[in-house]
């Protein structure tokens, strides 16, 4: 079964004085922070019934960067 994640990227180009410009970007991975739980104990006779021990996907991550182009 596929893992549902939403990845988003924002890019903004800023004009600097002269001929220079600065592209700025922000990237979000798993932007909605949706969790896909695995490792659920489904044995009703066990004292740890319903305990979640793992997730299938990563938590939300973001990165940003900028460069100056002459």
PDB file of N, CA and C in Angstrom:
ATOM      1  N   UNK A   1       0.840  -1.165   0.000  1.00  0.00           N
ATOM      2  CA  UNK A   1       0.000   0.000   0.000  1.00  0.00           C
ATOM      3  C   UNK A   1       0.898   1.246   0.000  1.00  0.00           C
ATOM      4  N   UNK A   2       0.609   2.232  -0.840  1.00  0.00           N
ATOM      5  CA  UNK A   2       1.472   3.409  -0.909  1.00  0.00           C
ATOM      6  C   UNK A   2       1.332   4.300   0.331  1.00  0.00           C
ATOM      7  N   UNK A   3       2.384   5.016   0.616  1.00  0.00           N
ATOM      8  CA  UNK A   3       2.375   5.970   1.718  1.00  0.00           C
ATOM      9  C   UNK A   3       1.933   7.320   1.191  1.00  0.00           C
ATOM     10  N   UNK A   4       0.975   7.959   1.875  1.00  0.00           N
ATOM     11  CA  UNK A   4       0.477   9.261   1.438  1.00  0.00           C
ATOM     12  C   UNK A   4       1.293  10.366   2.083  1.00  0.00           C
ATOM     13  N   UNK A   5       1.973  11.140   1.236  1.00  0.00           N
ATOM     14  CA  UNK A   5       2.732  12.292   1.722  1.00  0.00           C
ATOM     15  C   UNK A   5       2.554  13.428   0.727  1.00  0.00           C
ATOM     16  N   UNK A   6       2.571  14.645   1.216  1.00  0.00           N
ATOM     17  CA  UNK A   6       2.459  15.822   0.375  1.00  0.00           C
ATOM     18  C   UNK A   6       3.765  16.593   0.478  1.00  0.00           C
ATOM     19  N   UNK A   7       4.470  16.726  -0.642  1.00  0.00           N
ATOM     20  CA  UNK A   7       5.708  17.488  -0.699  1.00  0.00           C
ATOM     21  C   UNK A   7       5.437  18.795  -1.441  1.00  0.00           C
ATOM     22  N   UNK A   8       5.907  19.911  -0.878  1.00  0.00           N
ATOM     23  CA  UNK A   8       5.649  21.232  -1.444  1.00  0.00           C
ATOM     24  C   UNK A   8       6.969  21.969  -1.612  1.00  0.00           C
ATOM     25  N   UNK A   9       7.065  22.763  -2.687  1.00  0.00           N
ATOM     26  CA  UNK A   9       8.237  23.587  -2.928  1.00  0.00           C
ATOM     27  C   UNK A   9       7.794  25.002  -3.285  1.00  0.00           C
ATOM     28  N   UNK A  10       8.383  25.992  -2.637  1.00  0.00           N
ATOM     29  CA  UNK A  10       8.127  27.401  -2.927  1.00  0.00           C
ATOM     30  C   UNK A  10       9.412  28.022  -3.446  1.00  0.00           C
ATOM     31  N   UNK A  11       9.300  28.820  -4.525  1.00  0.00           N
ATOM     32  CA  UNK A  11      10.464  29.498  -5.089  1.00  0.00           C
ATOM     33  C   UNK A  11      10.121  30.963  -5.280  1.00  0.00           C
ATOM     34  N   UNK A  12      11.014  31.837  -4.831  1.00  0.00           N
ATOM     35  CA  UNK A  12      10.836  33.276  -4.994  1.00  0.00           C
ATOM     36  C   UNK A  12      12.142  33.851  -5.531  1.00  0.00           C
ATOM     37  N   UNK A  13      12.060  34.595  -6.623  1.00  0.00           N
ATOM     38  CA  UNK A  13      13.239  35.218  -7.216  1.00  0.00           C
ATOM     39  C   UNK A  13      13.232  36.700  -6.865  1.00  0.00           C
ATOM     40  N   UNK A  14      14.276  37.151  -6.181  1.00  0.00           N
ATOM     41  CA  UNK A  14      14.392  38.536  -5.744  1.00  0.00           C
ATOM     42  C   UNK A  14      15.438  39.224  -6.614  1.00  0.00           C
ATOM     43  N   UNK A  15      15.062  40.367  -7.193  1.00  0.00           N
ATOM     44  CA  UNK A  15      15.999  41.154  -7.989  1.00  0.00           C
ATOM     45  C   UNK A  15      16.830  42.045  -7.064  1.00  0.00           C
ATOM     46  N   UNK A  16      18.132  41.964  -7.165  1.00  0.00           N
ATOM     47  CA  UNK A  16      19.034  42.788  -6.375  1.00  0.00           C
ATOM     48  C   UNK A  16      19.519  43.964  -7.227  1.00  0.00           C
ATOM     49  N   UNK A  17      20.122  44.983  -6.605  1.00  0.00           N
ATOM     50  CA  UNK A  17      20.636  46.118  -7.397  1.00  0.00           C
ATOM     51  C   UNK A  17      21.652  45.658  -8.453  1.00  0.00           C
ATOM     52  N   UNK A  18      21.597  46.290  -9.598  1.00  0.00           N
ATOM     53  CA  UNK A  18      22.470  45.894 -10.706  1.00  0.00           C
ATOM     54  C   UNK A  18      21.872  44.726 -11.467  1.00  0.00           C
ATOM     55  N   UNK A  19      22.730  43.828 -11.927  1.00  0.00           N
ATOM     56  CA  UNK A  19      22.249  42.675 -12.685  1.00  0.00           C
ATOM     57  C   UNK A  19      22.103  41.430 -11.819  1.00  0.00           C
ATOM     58  N   UNK A  20      22.334  41.557 -10.533  1.00  0.00           N
ATOM     59  CA  UNK A  20      22.285  40.395  -9.636  1.00  0.00           C
ATOM     60  C   UNK A  20      20.840  40.039  -9.277  1.00  0.00           C
ATOM     61  N   UNK A  21      20.646  38.764  -8.996  1.00  0.00           N
ATOM     62  CA  UNK A  21      19.341  38.283  -8.518  1.00  0.00           C
ATOM     63  C   UNK A  21      19.594  37.159  -7.512  1.00  0.00           C
ATOM     64  N   UNK A  22      18.597  36.896  -6.697  1.00  0.00           N
ATOM     65  CA  UNK A  22      18.745  35.885  -5.658  1.00  0.00           C
ATOM     66  C   UNK A  22      17.520  34.980  -5.635  1.00  0.00           C
ATOM     67  N   UNK A  23      17.619  33.776  -6.203  1.00  0.00           N
ATOM     68  CA  UNK A  23      16.531  32.812  -6.070  1.00  0.00           C
ATOM     69  C   UNK A  23      16.542  32.220  -4.652  1.00  0.00           C
ATOM     70  N   UNK A  24      15.387  32.218  -4.022  1.00  0.00           N
ATOM     71  CA  UNK A  24      15.227  31.673  -2.675  1.00  0.00           C
ATOM     72  C   UNK A  24      14.183  30.564  -2.748  1.00  0.00           C
ATOM     73  N   UNK A  25      14.450  29.446  -2.104  1.00  0.00           N
ATOM     74  CA  UNK A  25      13.493  28.335  -2.153  1.00  0.00           C
ATOM     75  C   UNK A  25      13.320  27.685  -0.787  1.00  0.00           C
ATOM     76  N   UNK A  26      12.119  27.181  -0.552  1.00  0.00           N
ATOM     77  CA  UNK A  26      11.778  26.424   0.651  1.00  0.00           C
ATOM     78  C   UNK A  26      11.093  25.145   0.189  1.00  0.00           C
ATOM     79  N   UNK A  27      11.526  24.021   0.727  1.00  0.00           N
ATOM     80  CA  UNK A  27      10.937  22.729   0.380  1.00  0.00           C
ATOM     81  C   UNK A  27      10.442  22.045   1.645  1.00  0.00           C
ATOM     82  N   UNK A  28       9.224  21.536   1.598  1.00  0.00           N
ATOM     83  CA  UNK A  28       8.616  20.820   2.726  1.00  0.00           C
ATOM     84  C   UNK A  28       8.344  19.386   2.283  1.00  0.00           C
ATOM     85  N   UNK A  29       8.840  18.437   3.053  1.00  0.00           N
ATOM     86  CA  UNK A  29       8.577  17.025   2.795  1.00  0.00           C
ATOM     87  C   UNK A  29       7.606  16.531   3.860  1.00  0.00           C
ATOM     88  N   UNK A  30       6.550  15.855   3.436  1.00  0.00           N
ATOM     89  CA  UNK A  30       5.452  15.440   4.304  1.00  0.00           C
ATOM     90  C   UNK A  30       4.871  16.676   4.996  1.00  0.00           C
ATOM     91  N   UNK A  31       4.455  17.645   4.195  1.00  0.00           N
ATOM     92  CA  UNK A  31       4.002  18.946   4.693  1.00  0.00           C
ATOM     93  C   UNK A  31       2.810  18.836   5.636  1.00  0.00           C
ATOM     94  N   UNK A  32       1.937  17.867   5.436  1.00  0.00           N
ATOM     95  CA  UNK A  32       0.771  17.714   6.303  1.00  0.00           C
ATOM     96  C   UNK A  32       1.084  16.935   7.575  1.00  0.00           C
ATOM     97  N   UNK A  33       2.303  16.410   7.672  1.00  0.00           N
ATOM     98  CA  UNK A  33       2.757  15.633   8.822  1.00  0.00           C
ATOM     99  C   UNK A  33       1.832  14.440   9.093  1.00  0.00           C
ATOM    100  N   UNK A  34       1.395  13.783   8.012  1.00  0.00           N
ATOM    101  CA  UNK A  34       0.534  12.605   8.087  1.00  0.00           C
ATOM    102  C   UNK A  34       1.353  11.404   8.562  1.00  0.00           C
ATOM    103  N   UNK A  35       0.887  10.710   9.575  1.00  0.00           N
ATOM    104  CA  UNK A  35       1.588   9.532  10.094  1.00  0.00           C
ATOM    105  C   UNK A  35       0.923   8.260   9.601  1.00  0.00           C
ATOM    106  N   UNK A  36       1.746   7.310   9.210  1.00  0.00           N
ATOM    107  CA  UNK A  36       1.289   5.993   8.797  1.00  0.00           C
ATOM    108  C   UNK A  36       1.828   5.009   9.831  1.00  0.00           C
ATOM    109  N   UNK A  37       0.962   4.568  10.749  1.00  0.00           N
ATOM    110  CA  UNK A  37       1.401   3.730  11.857  1.00  0.00           C
ATOM    111  C   UNK A  37       1.506   2.269  11.441  1.00  0.00           C
ATOM    112  N   UNK A  38       2.568   1.605  11.899  1.00  0.00           N
ATOM    113  CA  UNK A  38       2.770   0.171  11.686  1.00  0.00           C
ATOM    114  C   UNK A  38       3.187  -0.448  13.014  1.00  0.00           C
ATOM    115  N   UNK A  39       3.271  -1.744  13.037  1.00  0.00           N
ATOM    116  CA  UNK A  39       3.698  -2.430  14.250  1.00  0.00           C
ATOM    117  C   UNK A  39       2.663  -2.355  15.356  1.00  0.00           C
ATOM    118  N   UNK A  40       1.380  -2.358  14.997  1.00  0.00           N
ATOM    119  CA  UNK A  40       0.314  -2.276  15.990  1.00  0.00           C
ATOM    120  C   UNK A  40       0.053  -3.684  16.540  1.00  0.00           C
ATOM    121  N   UNK A  41       0.043  -3.792  17.840  1.00  0.00           N
ATOM    122  CA  UNK A  41      -0.230  -5.080  18.483  1.00  0.00           C
ATOM    123  C   UNK A  41      -1.735  -5.329  18.407  1.00  0.00           C
ATOM    124  N   UNK A  42      -2.146  -6.339  17.640  1.00  0.00           N
ATOM    125  CA  UNK A  42      -3.566  -6.611  17.413  1.00  0.00           C
ATOM    126  C   UNK A  42      -4.071  -7.839  18.170  1.00  0.00           C
ATOM    127  N   UNK A  43      -3.313  -8.326  19.151  1.00  0.00           N
ATOM    128  CA  UNK A  43      -3.729  -9.490  19.940  1.00  0.00           C
ATOM    129  C   UNK A  43      -4.503  -9.012  21.174  1.00  0.00           C
ATOM    130  N   UNK A  44      -5.829  -9.226  21.243  1.00  0.00           N
ATOM    131  CA  UNK A  44      -6.609  -8.721  22.370  1.00  0.00           C
ATOM    132  C   UNK A  44      -6.285  -9.393  23.706  1.00  0.00           C
ATOM    133  N   UNK A  45      -5.587 -10.502  23.691  1.00  0.00           N
ATOM    134  CA  UNK A  45      -5.222 -11.187  24.936  1.00  0.00           C
ATOM    135  C   UNK A  45      -3.920 -10.650  25.515  1.00  0.00           C
ATOM    136  N   UNK A  46      -3.204  -9.812  24.747  1.00  0.00           N
ATOM    137  CA  UNK A  46      -1.920  -9.260  25.179  1.00  0.00           C
ATOM    138  C   UNK A  46      -2.155  -7.997  25.999  1.00  0.00           C
ATOM    139  N   UNK A  47      -1.329  -7.777  27.016  1.00  0.00           N
ATOM    140  CA  UNK A  47      -1.460  -6.582  27.859  1.00  0.00           C
ATOM    141  C   UNK A  47      -1.141  -5.300  27.093  1.00  0.00           C
ATOM    142  N   UNK A  48      -0.388  -5.408  26.002  1.00  0.00           N
ATOM    143  CA  UNK A  48      -0.025  -4.235  25.198  1.00  0.00           C
ATOM    144  C   UNK A  48      -0.893  -4.124  23.947  1.00  0.00           C
ATOM    145  N   UNK A  49      -2.123  -4.574  24.017  1.00  0.00           N
ATOM    146  CA  UNK A  49      -3.052  -4.529  22.891  1.00  0.00           C
ATOM    147  C   UNK A  49      -3.250  -3.085  22.420  1.00  0.00           C
ATOM    148  N   UNK A  50      -3.105  -2.869  21.122  1.00  0.00           N
ATOM    149  CA  UNK A  50      -3.297  -1.544  20.536  1.00  0.00           C
ATOM    150  C   UNK A  50      -2.076  -0.657  20.578  1.00  0.00           C
ATOM    151  N   UNK A  51      -0.972  -1.112  21.138  1.00  0.00           N
ATOM    152  CA  UNK A  51       0.237  -0.298  21.242  1.00  0.00           C
ATOM    153  C   UNK A  51       0.899  -0.179  19.871  1.00  0.00           C
ATOM    154  N   UNK A  52       1.230   1.051  19.497  1.00  0.00           N
ATOM    155  CA  UNK A  52       1.905   1.332  18.225  1.00  0.00           C
ATOM    156  C   UNK A  52       3.393   1.420  18.498  1.00  0.00           C
ATOM    157  N   UNK A  53       4.192   0.675  17.721  1.00  0.00           N
ATOM    158  CA  UNK A  53       5.632   0.638  17.969  1.00  0.00           C
ATOM    159  C   UNK A  53       6.464   1.264  16.859  1.00  0.00           C
ATOM    160  N   UNK A  54       5.831   1.657  15.741  1.00  0.00           N
ATOM    161  CA  UNK A  54       6.634   2.166  14.631  1.00  0.00           C
ATOM    162  C   UNK A  54       5.754   2.990  13.699  1.00  0.00           C
ATOM    163  N   UNK A  55       6.383   3.830  12.880  1.00  0.00           N
ATOM    164  CA  UNK A  55       5.691   4.534  11.805  1.00  0.00           C
ATOM    165  C   UNK A  55       6.378   4.197  10.495  1.00  0.00           C
ATOM    166  N   UNK A  56       5.605   4.246   9.421  1.00  0.00           N
ATOM    167  CA  UNK A  56       6.128   3.855   8.112  1.00  0.00           C
ATOM    168  C   UNK A  56       6.827   5.003   7.394  1.00  0.00           C
ATOM    169  N   UNK A  57       6.409   6.229   7.637  1.00  0.00           N
ATOM    170  CA  UNK A  57       7.000   7.359   6.931  1.00  0.00           C
ATOM    171  C   UNK A  57       7.756   8.270   7.898  1.00  0.00           C
ATOM    172  N   UNK A  58       8.400   9.273   7.359  1.00  0.00           N
ATOM    173  CA  UNK A  58       9.195  10.208   8.147  1.00  0.00           C
ATOM    174  C   UNK A  58       8.339  11.370   8.638  1.00  0.00           C
ATOM    175  N   UNK A  59       8.744  12.018   9.717  1.00  0.00           N
ATOM    176  CA  UNK A  59       8.030  13.226  10.131  1.00  0.00           C
ATOM    177  C   UNK A  59       8.306  14.373   9.159  1.00  0.00           C
ATOM    178  N   UNK A  60       7.647  15.487   9.372  1.00  0.00           N
ATOM    179  CA  UNK A  60       7.815  16.648   8.488  1.00  0.00           C
ATOM    180  C   UNK A  60       9.268  17.130   8.519  1.00  0.00           C
ATOM    181  N   UNK A  61       9.810  17.362   7.336  1.00  0.00           N
ATOM    182  CA  UNK A  61      11.147  17.933   7.188  1.00  0.00           C
ATOM    183  C   UNK A  61      11.046  19.131   6.265  1.00  0.00           C
ATOM    184  N   UNK A  62      11.866  20.132   6.505  1.00  0.00           N
ATOM    185  CA  UNK A  62      11.901  21.269   5.594  1.00  0.00           C
ATOM    186  C   UNK A  62      13.345  21.692   5.393  1.00  0.00           C
ATOM    187  N   UNK A  63      13.597  22.270   4.253  1.00  0.00           N
ATOM    188  CA  UNK A  63      14.919  22.820   3.950  1.00  0.00           C
ATOM    189  C   UNK A  63      14.742  24.088   3.137  1.00  0.00           C
ATOM    190  N   UNK A  64      15.697  24.961   3.251  1.00  0.00           N
ATOM    191  CA  UNK A  64      15.651  26.217   2.515  1.00  0.00           C
ATOM    192  C   UNK A  64      17.024  26.542   1.985  1.00  0.00           C
ATOM    193  N   UNK A  65      17.061  27.408   0.998  1.00  0.00           N
ATOM    194  CA  UNK A  65      18.339  27.791   0.429  1.00  0.00           C
ATOM    195  C   UNK A  65      18.203  29.024  -0.434  1.00  0.00           C
ATOM    196  N   UNK A  66      19.299  29.686  -0.646  1.00  0.00           N
ATOM    197  CA  UNK A  66      19.336  30.869  -1.493  1.00  0.00           C
ATOM    198  C   UNK A  66      20.689  30.934  -2.171  1.00  0.00           C
ATOM    199  N   UNK A  67      20.695  31.476  -3.373  1.00  0.00           N
ATOM    200  CA  UNK A  67      21.947  31.695  -4.094  1.00  0.00           C
ATOM    201  C   UNK A  67      21.912  33.103  -4.677  1.00  0.00           C
ATOM    202  N   UNK A  68      23.083  33.669  -4.870  1.00  0.00           N
ATOM    203  CA  UNK A  68      23.187  34.981  -5.512  1.00  0.00           C
ATOM    204  C   UNK A  68      23.810  34.772  -6.878  1.00  0.00           C
ATOM    205  N   UNK A  69      23.106  35.215  -7.905  1.00  0.00           N
ATOM    206  CA  UNK A  69      23.569  35.053  -9.286  1.00  0.00           C
ATOM    207  C   UNK A  69      23.945  36.441  -9.798  1.00  0.00           C
ATOM    208  N   UNK A  70      25.170  36.559 -10.308  1.00  0.00           N
ATOM    209  CA  UNK A  70      25.635  37.851 -10.855  1.00  0.00           C
ATOM    210  C   UNK A  70      25.451  37.904 -12.345  1.00  0.00           C
TER     211      UNK A  70
END
